[in-house]
Amino acid sequence: MLNLADEIFARADRSVLAIIAGERRLTFGELETLTESAAAQLGEAGRQRVGLYCPNGVAHIVWSLAVLKCGGVLVPIAPELSSLERDAVVRVTALDAVLCADGKEWHRAAPRATALQVAGLSPAALSQGWRKAPAEFDEAALASLNPALIRFSSGTTGRRKGIVLSHETLLARVSAANAGLRIGPGDRVIWTLPMAHHFAVSIILYLLHGATTVLEDSHLGEDVFRALSEHAGTVLYASPFHHALLASFENAKPVPSLRLAVSTAAALPLSTAEKFLACFGIPLTQALGIIECGLPIFNSCWPREKPASIGLPQPSFD
């Protein structure tokens, strides 16, 4: 049975940089060691449905991969959710455990709490005993899917819905998405978006295809520009908000290494696209639908001529 965490490291060159986060550098080999240690800390609890409450960073990547490696179902819990919304995620997905990491704390005491410690990561806490009733869905039907992750839609047109992604579906999605992105070894992706929403396709895609992910915590244009320049970024994956701030940075100029700038998460304003092109000499390329379908729409046809267009379906989509 496919396990995407195992697949990532089976493909990886362990000597290549997987993650850059500030002053920290992790090769694929070092990331695998951290993941194995985290999986060992989770033990049998990692084989259940585990909510991850963790900000962007190395810890988010490691604990996410650890849950997948254990054979559990990862349920990212977005940091911006209110306590009532977090409780709703626990209830709807019938979580067996909540893992709080990298400084995050749950809003109420757990019936059972276990401290977890992985060398190289800040302490984490695994809370269990939340479930008060059987799940309101067919447990056997869910298990038959080889589920890897449950994440929630944005809820912009109705109630937020939990979307189940199997290991096989995730592999198909990242493969289909990369038909347009063409990310591979040698690429350095500058990352600014929330992992709680985008880890399942984006971060997994970069890791699976051997690229280096550069984590940039700041949204300021000068900081994103610094990350691009210092790390010879080849791909910038961000929202129109980030692109607008970047193009407004007074000292911004073309970055020779940058080959692809993707705009996602919201509609791209024409003014932002025009300003970015004038500043950096390459067009912004819209790519949408990642949470729903895994990047089905990608404007590879006319990003320069029609930057406001969402483009056409990628080859693997109808």
C-alpha atoms as a PDB file:
ATOM      1  CA  MET A   1       0.000   0.000   0.000  1.00  0.00           C
ATOM      2  CA  LEU A   2       1.384   3.407  -0.999  1.00  0.00           C
ATOM      3  CA  ASN A   3       2.735   5.693   1.725  1.00  0.00           C
ATOM      4  CA  LEU A   4       3.608   9.146   0.429  1.00  0.00           C
ATOM      5  CA  ALA A   5       6.139   9.933   3.166  1.00  0.00           C
ATOM      6  CA  ASP A   6       8.067   6.774   2.302  1.00  0.00           C
ATOM      7  CA  GLU A   7       7.759   7.625  -1.396  1.00  0.00           C
ATOM      8  CA  ILE A   8       9.309  11.062  -0.868  1.00  0.00           C
ATOM      9  CA  PHE A   9      12.424   9.656   0.790  1.00  0.00           C
ATOM     10  CA  ALA A  10      12.668   6.700  -1.592  1.00  0.00           C
ATOM     11  CA  ARG A  11      13.036   9.192  -4.450  1.00  0.00           C
ATOM     12  CA  ALA A  12      15.220  11.721  -2.632  1.00  0.00           C
ATOM     13  CA  ASP A  13      18.924  12.403  -2.957  1.00  0.00           C
ATOM     14  CA  ARG A  14      19.746  12.540   0.753  1.00  0.00           C
ATOM     15  CA  SER A  15      22.639  14.955   0.246  1.00  0.00           C
ATOM     16  CA  VAL A  16      20.474  17.645  -1.380  1.00  0.00           C
ATOM     17  CA  LEU A  17      18.987  20.527   0.616  1.00  0.00           C
ATOM     18  CA  ALA A  18      15.291  19.947   1.279  1.00  0.00           C
ATOM     19  CA  ILE A  19      14.480  22.965   3.458  1.00  0.00           C
ATOM     20  CA  ILE A  20      15.981  26.364   4.172  1.00  0.00           C
ATOM     21  CA  ALA A  21      14.422  28.183   7.140  1.00  0.00           C
ATOM     22  CA  GLY A  22      16.336  31.275   8.214  1.00  0.00           C
ATOM     23  CA  GLU A  23      19.802  30.112   9.203  1.00  0.00           C
ATOM     24  CA  ARG A  24      18.742  26.468   9.291  1.00  0.00           C
ATOM     25  CA  ARG A  25      19.529  24.051   6.474  1.00  0.00           C
ATOM     26  CA  LEU A  26      18.138  20.524   6.268  1.00  0.00           C
ATOM     27  CA  THR A  27      19.115  17.961   3.663  1.00  0.00           C
ATOM     28  CA  PHE A  28      16.652  15.273   2.626  1.00  0.00           C
ATOM     29  CA  GLY A  29      18.665  12.838   4.728  1.00  0.00           C
ATOM     30  CA  GLU A  30      18.396  15.044   7.808  1.00  0.00           C
ATOM     31  CA  LEU A  31      14.689  15.598   7.171  1.00  0.00           C
ATOM     32  CA  GLU A  32      14.179  11.832   6.957  1.00  0.00           C
ATOM     33  CA  THR A  33      15.988  11.342  10.283  1.00  0.00           C
ATOM     34  CA  LEU A  34      13.785  13.968  11.957  1.00  0.00           C
ATOM     35  CA  THR A  35      10.663  12.406  10.451  1.00  0.00           C
ATOM     36  CA  GLU A  36      11.604   8.933  11.683  1.00  0.00           C
ATOM     37  CA  SER A  37      12.292  10.295  15.179  1.00  0.00           C
ATOM     38  CA  ALA A  38       8.955  12.128  15.224  1.00  0.00           C
ATOM     39  CA  ALA A  39       7.130   9.008  14.016  1.00  0.00           C
ATOM     40  CA  ALA A  40       8.760   6.996  16.793  1.00  0.00           C
ATOM     41  CA  GLN A  41       7.597   9.574  19.345  1.00  0.00           C
ATOM     42  CA  LEU A  42       4.023   9.350  18.038  1.00  0.00           C
ATOM     43  CA  GLY A  43       4.039   5.563  18.192  1.00  0.00           C
ATOM     44  CA  GLU A  44       0.632   3.899  17.958  1.00  0.00           C
ATOM     45  CA  ALA A  45      -1.109   7.257  18.385  1.00  0.00           C
ATOM     46  CA  GLY A  46       0.293   8.268  14.994  1.00  0.00           C
ATOM     47  CA  ARG A  47      -1.755   5.530  13.324  1.00  0.00           C
ATOM     48  CA  GLN A  48      -4.987   7.366  14.177  1.00  0.00           C
ATOM     49  CA  ARG A  49      -6.606  10.599  12.995  1.00  0.00           C
ATOM     50  CA  VAL A  50      -4.311  13.320  14.285  1.00  0.00           C
ATOM     51  CA  GLY A  51      -5.041  17.046  14.206  1.00  0.00           C
ATOM     52  CA  LEU A  52      -1.914  19.168  13.754  1.00  0.00           C
ATOM     53  CA  TYR A  53      -2.026  22.611  15.341  1.00  0.00           C
ATOM     54  CA  CYS A  54       1.279  24.158  14.320  1.00  0.00           C
ATOM     55  CA  PRO A  55       2.491  27.341  12.577  1.00  0.00           C
ATOM     56  CA  ASN A  56       4.529  27.386   9.367  1.00  0.00           C
ATOM     57  CA  GLY A  57       8.026  26.027   9.765  1.00  0.00           C
ATOM     58  CA  VAL A  58      10.250  22.980   9.879  1.00  0.00           C
ATOM     59  CA  ALA A  59       8.180  21.454  12.680  1.00  0.00           C
ATOM     60  CA  HIS A  60       5.005  21.585  10.591  1.00  0.00           C
ATOM     61  CA  ILE A  61       6.699  19.662   7.792  1.00  0.00           C
ATOM     62  CA  VAL A  62       8.316  17.090  10.085  1.00  0.00           C
ATOM     63  CA  TRP A  63       5.209  16.295  12.156  1.00  0.00           C
ATOM     64  CA  SER A  64       3.025  16.152   9.030  1.00  0.00           C
ATOM     65  CA  LEU A  65       5.355  13.650   7.386  1.00  0.00           C
ATOM     66  CA  ALA A  66       5.588  11.702  10.648  1.00  0.00           C
ATOM     67  CA  VAL A  67       1.809  11.214  10.842  1.00  0.00           C
ATOM     68  CA  LEU A  68       1.756  10.078   7.201  1.00  0.00           C
ATOM     69  CA  LYS A  69       4.686   7.734   7.811  1.00  0.00           C
ATOM     70  CA  CYS A  70       2.900   6.174  10.783  1.00  0.00           C
ATOM     71  CA  GLY A  71      -0.091   5.431   8.571  1.00  0.00           C
ATOM     72  CA  GLY A  72      -2.299   7.951  10.335  1.00  0.00           C
ATOM     73  CA  VAL A  73      -4.674  10.524   8.881  1.00  0.00           C
ATOM     74  CA  LEU A  74      -3.389  14.095   9.097  1.00  0.00           C
ATOM     75  CA  VAL A  75      -5.924  16.852   9.817  1.00  0.00           C
ATOM     76  CA  PRO A  76      -4.243  20.292   9.684  1.00  0.00           C
ATOM     77  CA  ILE A  77      -5.886  22.800  12.023  1.00  0.00           C
ATOM     78  CA  ALA A  78      -5.367  26.330  10.748  1.00  0.00           C
ATOM     79  CA  PRO A  79      -3.917  28.727  13.367  1.00  0.00           C
ATOM     80  CA  GLU A  80      -6.422  31.454  12.443  1.00  0.00           C
ATOM     81  CA  LEU A  81      -9.439  29.377  13.498  1.00  0.00           C
ATOM     82  CA  SER A  82     -11.331  30.391  16.625  1.00  0.00           C
ATOM     83  CA  SER A  83     -11.593  27.973  19.541  1.00  0.00           C
ATOM     84  CA  LEU A  84     -15.165  27.118  18.505  1.00  0.00           C
ATOM     85  CA  GLU A  85     -14.026  26.388  14.952  1.00  0.00           C
ATOM     86  CA  ARG A  86     -11.188  24.207  16.225  1.00  0.00           C
ATOM     87  CA  ASP A  87     -13.612  22.252  18.386  1.00  0.00           C
ATOM     88  CA  ALA A  88     -15.804  21.780  15.304  1.00  0.00           C
ATOM     89  CA  VAL A  89     -12.888  20.251  13.370  1.00  0.00           C
ATOM     90  CA  VAL A  90     -12.240  17.846  16.250  1.00  0.00           C
ATOM     91  CA  ARG A  91     -15.915  16.864  16.342  1.00  0.00           C
ATOM     92  CA  VAL A  92     -16.584  16.564  12.595  1.00  0.00           C
ATOM     93  CA  THR A  93     -13.476  14.493  11.856  1.00  0.00           C
ATOM     94  CA  ALA A  94     -13.756  12.509  15.113  1.00  0.00           C
ATOM     95  CA  LEU A  95     -10.092  13.150  15.919  1.00  0.00           C
ATOM     96  CA  ASP A  96      -8.302  10.656  18.110  1.00  0.00           C
ATOM     97  CA  ALA A  97      -5.545  13.114  19.020  1.00  0.00           C
ATOM     98  CA  VAL A  98      -4.431  16.721  18.638  1.00  0.00           C
ATOM     99  CA  LEU A  99      -0.731  17.457  18.222  1.00  0.00           C
ATOM    100  CA  CYS A 100       0.324  20.965  19.263  1.00  0.00           C
ATOM    101  CA  ALA A 101       3.813  21.924  18.140  1.00  0.00           C
ATOM    102  CA  ASP A 102       6.234  24.820  17.726  1.00  0.00           C
ATOM    103  CA  GLY A 103       4.777  26.965  20.492  1.00  0.00           C
ATOM    104  CA  LYS A 104       1.089  26.351  19.845  1.00  0.00           C
ATOM    105  CA  GLU A 105      -1.152  25.408  22.778  1.00  0.00           C
ATOM    106  CA  TRP A 106      -4.681  24.036  22.716  1.00  0.00           C
ATOM    107  CA  HIS A 107      -7.419  26.202  24.202  1.00  0.00           C
ATOM    108  CA  ARG A 108      -8.585  23.680  26.792  1.00  0.00           C
ATOM    109  CA  ALA A 109      -7.058  20.885  28.832  1.00  0.00           C
ATOM    110  CA  ALA A 110      -7.011  17.392  27.371  1.00  0.00           C
ATOM    111  CA  PRO A 111      -8.141  14.240  29.156  1.00  0.00           C
ATOM    112  CA  ARG A 112      -4.709  12.745  28.384  1.00  0.00           C
ATOM    113  CA  ALA A 113      -1.612  14.685  27.369  1.00  0.00           C
ATOM    114  CA  THR A 114       1.830  13.379  26.429  1.00  0.00           C
ATOM    115  CA  ALA A 115       4.971  15.479  25.985  1.00  0.00           C
ATOM    116  CA  LEU A 116       6.932  14.713  22.815  1.00  0.00           C
ATOM    117  CA  GLN A 117      10.538  15.680  22.185  1.00  0.00           C
ATOM    118  CA  VAL A 118      12.509  15.309  18.971  1.00  0.00           C
ATOM    119  CA  ALA A 119      16.115  16.508  18.906  1.00  0.00           C
ATOM    120  CA  GLY A 120      16.233  19.558  16.663  1.00  0.00           C
ATOM    121  CA  LEU A 121      12.592  20.549  17.242  1.00  0.00           C
ATOM    122  CA  SER A 122      10.884  22.464  20.021  1.00  0.00           C
ATOM    123  CA  PRO A 123       8.797  20.386  22.470  1.00  0.00           C
ATOM    124  CA  ALA A 124       5.366  19.232  21.292  1.00  0.00           C
ATOM    125  CA  ALA A 125       2.317  17.899  23.104  1.00  0.00           C
ATOM    126  CA  LEU A 126      -0.042  15.124  22.052  1.00  0.00           C
ATOM    127  CA  SER A 127      -3.537  15.458  23.514  1.00  0.00           C
ATOM    128  CA  GLN A 128      -5.923  12.492  23.433  1.00  0.00           C
ATOM    129  CA  GLY A 129      -9.314  11.540  24.784  1.00  0.00           C
ATOM    130  CA  TRP A 130     -11.329  14.193  22.949  1.00  0.00           C
ATOM    131  CA  ARG A 131     -13.814  11.787  21.402  1.00  0.00           C
ATOM    132  CA  LYS A 132     -17.074  11.504  23.294  1.00  0.00           C
ATOM    133  CA  ALA A 133     -19.128   9.627  20.680  1.00  0.00           C
ATOM    134  CA  PRO A 134     -18.629   7.371  17.640  1.00  0.00           C
ATOM    135  CA  ALA A 135     -17.786   9.059  14.361  1.00  0.00           C
ATOM    136  CA  GLU A 136     -20.741  10.246  12.275  1.00  0.00           C
ATOM    137  CA  PHE A 137     -19.330   8.519   9.188  1.00  0.00           C
ATOM    138  CA  ASP A 138     -18.485   5.006   8.114  1.00  0.00           C
ATOM    139  CA  GLU A 139     -15.071   4.233   9.634  1.00  0.00           C
ATOM    140  CA  ALA A 140     -14.575   1.173   7.407  1.00  0.00           C
ATOM    141  CA  ALA A 141     -15.365   3.143   4.254  1.00  0.00           C
ATOM    142  CA  LEU A 142     -12.831   5.803   5.236  1.00  0.00           C
ATOM    143  CA  ALA A 143     -10.136   3.244   6.032  1.00  0.00           C
ATOM    144  CA  SER A 144     -10.668   1.531   2.668  1.00  0.00           C
ATOM    145  CA  LEU A 145      -9.508   4.723   0.905  1.00  0.00           C
ATOM    146  CA  ASN A 146      -5.969   4.550   2.362  1.00  0.00           C
ATOM    147  CA  PRO A 147      -6.581   8.089   3.682  1.00  0.00           C
ATOM    148  CA  ALA A 148      -3.638  10.413   4.169  1.00  0.00           C
ATOM    149  CA  LEU A 149      -5.235  13.729   4.963  1.00  0.00           C
ATOM    150  CA  ILE A 150      -8.501  15.525   5.658  1.00  0.00           C
ATOM    151  CA  ARG A 151      -8.529  19.228   4.962  1.00  0.00           C
ATOM    152  CA  PHE A 152     -11.337  21.713   4.840  1.00  0.00           C
ATOM    153  CA  SER A 153     -12.601  23.848   1.977  1.00  0.00           C
ATOM    154  CA  SER A 154     -12.609  27.632   2.366  1.00  0.00           C
ATOM    155  CA  GLY A 155     -16.363  27.796   2.901  1.00  0.00           C
ATOM    156  CA  THR A 156     -16.742  30.843   0.645  1.00  0.00           C
ATOM    157  CA  THR A 157     -19.987  29.549  -0.907  1.00  0.00           C
ATOM    158  CA  GLY A 158     -21.347  27.498   1.993  1.00  0.00           C
ATOM    159  CA  ARG A 159     -20.390  25.446   5.013  1.00  0.00           C
ATOM    160  CA  ARG A 160     -16.745  24.330   5.095  1.00  0.00           C
ATOM    161  CA  LYS A 161     -16.440  20.710   4.046  1.00  0.00           C
ATOM    162  CA  GLY A 162     -13.839  18.139   5.004  1.00  0.00           C
ATOM    163  CA  ILE A 163     -12.088  16.770   1.917  1.00  0.00           C
ATOM    164  CA  VAL A 164     -10.524  13.306   2.237  1.00  0.00           C
ATOM    165  CA  LEU A 165      -7.321  12.745   0.261  1.00  0.00           C
ATOM    166  CA  SER A 166      -5.778   9.299  -0.049  1.00  0.00           C
ATOM    167  CA  HIS A 167      -2.069   8.653  -0.525  1.00  0.00           C
ATOM    168  CA  GLU A 168      -2.848   7.644  -4.116  1.00  0.00           C
ATOM    169  CA  THR A 169      -4.905  10.791  -4.744  1.00  0.00           C
ATOM    170  CA  LEU A 170      -2.155  13.015  -3.356  1.00  0.00           C
ATOM    171  CA  LEU A 171       0.428  11.376  -5.605  1.00  0.00           C
ATOM    172  CA  ALA A 172      -1.850  11.805  -8.627  1.00  0.00           C
ATOM    173  CA  ARG A 173      -2.489  15.446  -7.747  1.00  0.00           C
ATOM    174  CA  VAL A 174       1.137  16.462  -7.294  1.00  0.00           C
ATOM    175  CA  SER A 175       2.068  14.659 -10.509  1.00  0.00           C
ATOM    176  CA  ALA A 176      -0.723  16.403 -12.425  1.00  0.00           C
ATOM    177  CA  ALA A 177       0.102  19.804 -10.928  1.00  0.00           C
ATOM    178  CA  ASN A 178       3.755  19.479 -11.830  1.00  0.00           C
ATOM    179  CA  ALA A 179       2.941  19.026 -15.506  1.00  0.00           C
ATOM    180  CA  GLY A 180       2.648  22.805 -15.596  1.00  0.00           C
ATOM    181  CA  LEU A 181       4.969  23.862 -12.792  1.00  0.00           C
ATOM    182  CA  ARG A 182       7.814  21.548 -13.912  1.00  0.00           C
ATOM    183  CA  ILE A 183       9.534  21.707 -10.550  1.00  0.00           C
ATOM    184  CA  GLY A 184      12.519  19.433 -10.072  1.00  0.00           C
ATOM    185  CA  PRO A 185      15.981  19.080  -8.548  1.00  0.00           C
ATOM    186  CA  GLY A 186      17.801  22.393  -8.730  1.00  0.00           C
ATOM    187  CA  ASP A 187      14.668  24.447  -8.113  1.00  0.00           C
ATOM    188  CA  ARG A 188      14.454  26.643  -5.043  1.00  0.00           C
ATOM    189  CA  VAL A 189      10.852  27.504  -4.186  1.00  0.00           C
ATOM    190  CA  ILE A 190      10.235  30.619  -2.077  1.00  0.00           C
ATOM    191  CA  TRP A 191       7.318  29.759   0.222  1.00  0.00           C
ATOM    192  CA  THR A 192       5.077  32.318   1.987  1.00  0.00           C
ATOM    193  CA  LEU A 193       1.619  30.690   2.195  1.00  0.00           C
ATOM    194  CA  PRO A 194       0.022  28.911   5.200  1.00  0.00           C
ATOM    195  CA  MET A 195       0.982  25.236   5.334  1.00  0.00           C
ATOM    196  CA  ALA A 196      -2.247  24.368   7.134  1.00  0.00           C
ATOM    197  CA  HIS A 197      -4.019  25.016   3.816  1.00  0.00           C
ATOM    198  CA  HIS A 198      -1.386  24.174   1.217  1.00  0.00           C
ATOM    199  CA  PHE A 199       0.925  21.490   2.637  1.00  0.00           C
ATOM    200  CA  ALA A 200      -0.959  18.584   1.085  1.00  0.00           C
ATOM    201  CA  VAL A 201      -0.195  19.414  -2.519  1.00  0.00           C
ATOM    202  CA  SER A 202       2.394  22.190  -2.607  1.00  0.00           C
ATOM    203  CA  ILE A 203       4.996  21.222   0.003  1.00  0.00           C
ATOM    204  CA  ILE A 204       4.598  17.533  -0.799  1.00  0.00           C
ATOM    205  CA  LEU A 205       5.050  18.338  -4.501  1.00  0.00           C
ATOM    206  CA  TYR A 206       8.355  20.137  -3.888  1.00  0.00           C
ATOM    207  CA  LEU A 207       9.690  17.377  -1.651  1.00  0.00           C
ATOM    208  CA  LEU A 208       8.572  14.585  -3.955  1.00  0.00           C
ATOM    209  CA  HIS A 209      10.293  16.200  -6.952  1.00  0.00           C
ATOM    210  CA  GLY A 210      13.554  16.930  -5.156  1.00  0.00           C
ATOM    211  CA  ALA A 211      13.324  20.728  -4.957  1.00  0.00           C
ATOM    212  CA  THR A 212      14.514  22.928  -2.088  1.00  0.00           C
ATOM    213  CA  THR A 213      11.794  24.794  -0.186  1.00  0.00           C
ATOM    214  CA  VAL A 214      12.824  28.173   1.256  1.00  0.00           C
ATOM    215  CA  LEU A 215      10.512  29.166   4.126  1.00  0.00           C
ATOM    216  CA  GLU A 216       9.967  32.912   4.411  1.00  0.00           C
ATOM    217  CA  ASP A 217       7.957  33.963   7.471  1.00  0.00           C
ATOM    218  CA  SER A 218       7.612  37.630   6.575  1.00  0.00           C
ATOM    219  CA  HIS A 219       5.051  38.941   4.089  1.00  0.00           C
ATOM    220  CA  LEU A 220       6.921  42.211   3.545  1.00  0.00           C
ATOM    221  CA  GLY A 221       8.121  42.845   0.016  1.00  0.00           C
ATOM    222  CA  GLU A 222      11.687  43.614   1.093  1.00  0.00           C
ATOM    223  CA  ASP A 223      11.946  40.304   2.977  1.00  0.00           C
ATOM    224  CA  VAL A 224      10.532  38.215   0.138  1.00  0.00           C
ATOM    225  CA  PHE A 225      12.891  39.999  -2.271  1.00  0.00           C
ATOM    226  CA  ARG A 226      15.815  39.272   0.044  1.00  0.00           C
ATOM    227  CA  ALA A 227      14.873  35.593   0.145  1.00  0.00           C
ATOM    228  CA  LEU A 228      14.636  35.475  -3.645  1.00  0.00           C
ATOM    229  CA  SER A 229      18.002  37.165  -4.092  1.00  0.00           C
ATOM    230  CA  GLU A 230      20.012  35.472  -1.318  1.00  0.00           C
ATOM    231  CA  HIS A 231      18.817  31.949  -2.117  1.00  0.00           C
ATOM    232  CA  ALA A 232      18.713  32.294  -5.919  1.00  0.00           C
ATOM    233  CA  GLY A 233      15.001  31.480  -5.900  1.00  0.00           C
ATOM    234  CA  THR A 234      13.749  29.898  -9.108  1.00  0.00           C
ATOM    235  CA  VAL A 235      10.042  29.666  -8.242  1.00  0.00           C
ATOM    236  CA  LEU A 236       7.911  32.091  -6.247  1.00  0.00           C
ATOM    237  CA  TYR A 237       4.589  30.645  -5.097  1.00  0.00           C
ATOM    238  CA  ALA A 238       2.458  33.278  -3.402  1.00  0.00           C
ATOM    239  CA  SER A 239      -0.837  35.164  -3.317  1.00  0.00           C
ATOM    240  CA  PRO A 240      -1.658  38.420  -5.159  1.00  0.00           C
ATOM    241  CA  PHE A 241      -1.212  40.171  -1.808  1.00  0.00           C
ATOM    242  CA  HIS A 242       2.425  39.035  -1.592  1.00  0.00           C
ATOM    243  CA  HIS A 243       3.114  39.866  -5.236  1.00  0.00           C
ATOM    244  CA  ALA A 244       1.699  43.375  -4.790  1.00  0.00           C
ATOM    245  CA  LEU A 245       3.942  44.017  -1.769  1.00  0.00           C
ATOM    246  CA  LEU A 246       6.954  42.627  -3.600  1.00  0.00           C
ATOM    247  CA  ALA A 247       6.410  44.748  -6.708  1.00  0.00           C
ATOM    248  CA  SER A 248       5.989  47.833  -4.498  1.00  0.00           C
ATOM    249  CA  PHE A 249       9.358  47.377  -2.788  1.00  0.00           C
ATOM    250  CA  GLU A 250      11.339  50.417  -3.923  1.00  0.00           C
ATOM    251  CA  ASN A 251      14.639  48.555  -4.370  1.00  0.00           C
ATOM    252  CA  ALA A 252      13.170  45.588  -6.228  1.00  0.00           C
ATOM    253  CA  LYS A 253      14.762  44.628  -9.519  1.00  0.00           C
ATOM    254  CA  PRO A 254      14.858  41.543 -11.784  1.00  0.00           C
ATOM    255  CA  VAL A 255      16.157  38.376 -10.117  1.00  0.00           C
ATOM    256  CA  PRO A 256      18.110  36.406 -12.758  1.00  0.00           C
ATOM    257  CA  SER A 257      17.397  33.015 -11.176  1.00  0.00           C
ATOM    258  CA  LEU A 258      13.607  33.464 -11.075  1.00  0.00           C
ATOM    259  CA  ARG A 259      11.931  31.444 -13.842  1.00  0.00           C
ATOM    260  CA  LEU A 260       8.336  31.153 -12.595  1.00  0.00           C
ATOM    261  CA  ALA A 261       6.137  33.357 -10.411  1.00  0.00           C
ATOM    262  CA  VAL A 262       2.815  31.746  -9.537  1.00  0.00           C
ATOM    263  CA  SER A 263      -0.179  33.669  -8.220  1.00  0.00           C
ATOM    264  CA  THR A 264      -2.761  31.638  -6.321  1.00  0.00           C
ATOM    265  CA  ALA A 265      -5.350  31.717  -3.496  1.00  0.00           C
ATOM    266  CA  ALA A 266      -7.311  34.684  -4.965  1.00  0.00           C
ATOM    267  CA  ALA A 267      -8.029  36.413  -8.268  1.00  0.00           C
ATOM    268  CA  LEU A 268      -5.018  38.304  -9.632  1.00  0.00           C
ATOM    269  CA  PRO A 269      -5.705  42.044 -10.148  1.00  0.00           C
ATOM    270  CA  LEU A 270      -4.509  43.300 -13.529  1.00  0.00           C
ATOM    271  CA  SER A 271      -2.723  46.233 -11.861  1.00  0.00           C
ATOM    272  CA  THR A 272      -0.648  43.858  -9.705  1.00  0.00           C
ATOM    273  CA  ALA A 273       0.234  41.714 -12.720  1.00  0.00           C
ATOM    274  CA  GLU A 274       1.332  44.723 -14.762  1.00  0.00           C
ATOM    275  CA  LYS A 275       3.406  46.182 -11.918  1.00  0.00           C
ATOM    276  CA  PHE A 276       5.113  42.838 -11.260  1.00  0.00           C
ATOM    277  CA  LEU A 277       5.977  42.358 -14.944  1.00  0.00           C
ATOM    278  CA  ALA A 278       7.405  45.875 -15.183  1.00  0.00           C
ATOM    279  CA  CYS A 279       9.484  45.349 -12.049  1.00  0.00           C
ATOM    280  CA  PHE A 280      10.819  41.820 -12.569  1.00  0.00           C
ATOM    281  CA  GLY A 281      10.586  41.234 -16.304  1.00  0.00           C
ATOM    282  CA  ILE A 282       8.630  37.978 -15.992  1.00  0.00           C
ATOM    283  CA  PRO A 283       4.830  37.589 -15.881  1.00  0.00           C
ATOM    284  CA  LEU A 284       2.730  36.348 -13.001  1.00  0.00           C
ATOM    285  CA  THR A 285       1.056  33.043 -13.824  1.00  0.00           C
ATOM    286  CA  GLN A 286      -2.321  32.318 -12.259  1.00  0.00           C
ATOM    287  CA  ALA A 287      -2.889  28.826 -10.857  1.00  0.00           C
ATOM    288  CA  LEU A 288      -6.132  28.039  -9.067  1.00  0.00           C
ATOM    289  CA  GLY A 289      -8.175  25.184  -7.607  1.00  0.00           C
ATOM    290  CA  ILE A 290      -5.401  23.622  -5.526  1.00  0.00           C
ATOM    291  CA  ILE A 291      -7.506  22.789  -2.452  1.00  0.00           C
ATOM    292  CA  GLU A 292     -10.435  21.462  -4.454  1.00  0.00           C
ATOM    293  CA  CYS A 293      -8.662  19.513  -7.189  1.00  0.00           C
ATOM    294  CA  GLY A 294      -4.888  19.927  -6.972  1.00  0.00           C
ATOM    295  CA  LEU A 295      -4.040  22.779  -9.374  1.00  0.00           C
ATOM    296  CA  PRO A 296      -6.296  21.976 -12.355  1.00  0.00           C
ATOM    297  CA  ILE A 297      -6.117  25.503 -13.809  1.00  0.00           C
ATOM    298  CA  PHE A 298      -2.802  27.035 -14.849  1.00  0.00           C
ATOM    299  CA  ASN A 299      -2.288  30.002 -17.168  1.00  0.00           C
ATOM    300  CA  SER A 300       0.716  28.683 -19.051  1.00  0.00           C
ATOM    301  CA  CYS A 301      -0.695  29.819 -22.398  1.00  0.00           C
ATOM    302  CA  TRP A 302      -0.734  33.602 -22.151  1.00  0.00           C
ATOM    303  CA  PRO A 303       0.511  34.876 -18.765  1.00  0.00           C
ATOM    304  CA  ARG A 304       2.176  37.888 -20.379  1.00  0.00           C
ATOM    305  CA  GLU A 305      -0.596  38.787 -22.814  1.00  0.00           C
ATOM    306  CA  LYS A 306      -3.572  37.949 -20.554  1.00  0.00           C
ATOM    307  CA  PRO A 307      -2.372  37.910 -16.940  1.00  0.00           C
ATOM    308  CA  ALA A 308      -5.904  38.148 -15.532  1.00  0.00           C
ATOM    309  CA  SER A 309      -6.885  34.921 -17.302  1.00  0.00           C
ATOM    310  CA  ILE A 310      -7.084  31.707 -15.278  1.00  0.00           C
ATOM    311  CA  GLY A 311      -5.786  29.805 -18.318  1.00  0.00           C
ATOM    312  CA  LEU A 312      -6.810  26.322 -19.390  1.00  0.00           C
ATOM    313  CA  PRO A 313      -7.149  22.973 -17.616  1.00  0.00           C
ATOM    314  CA  GLN A 314      -3.850  21.161 -17.183  1.00  0.00           C
ATOM    315  CA  PRO A 315      -3.369  18.033 -19.342  1.00  0.00           C
ATOM    316  CA  SER A 316      -4.484  15.584 -16.639  1.00  0.00           C
ATOM    317  CA  PHE A 317      -7.804  17.398 -16.099  1.00  0.00           C
ATOM    318  CA  ASP A 318     -11.002  17.704 -18.139  1.00  0.00           C
END
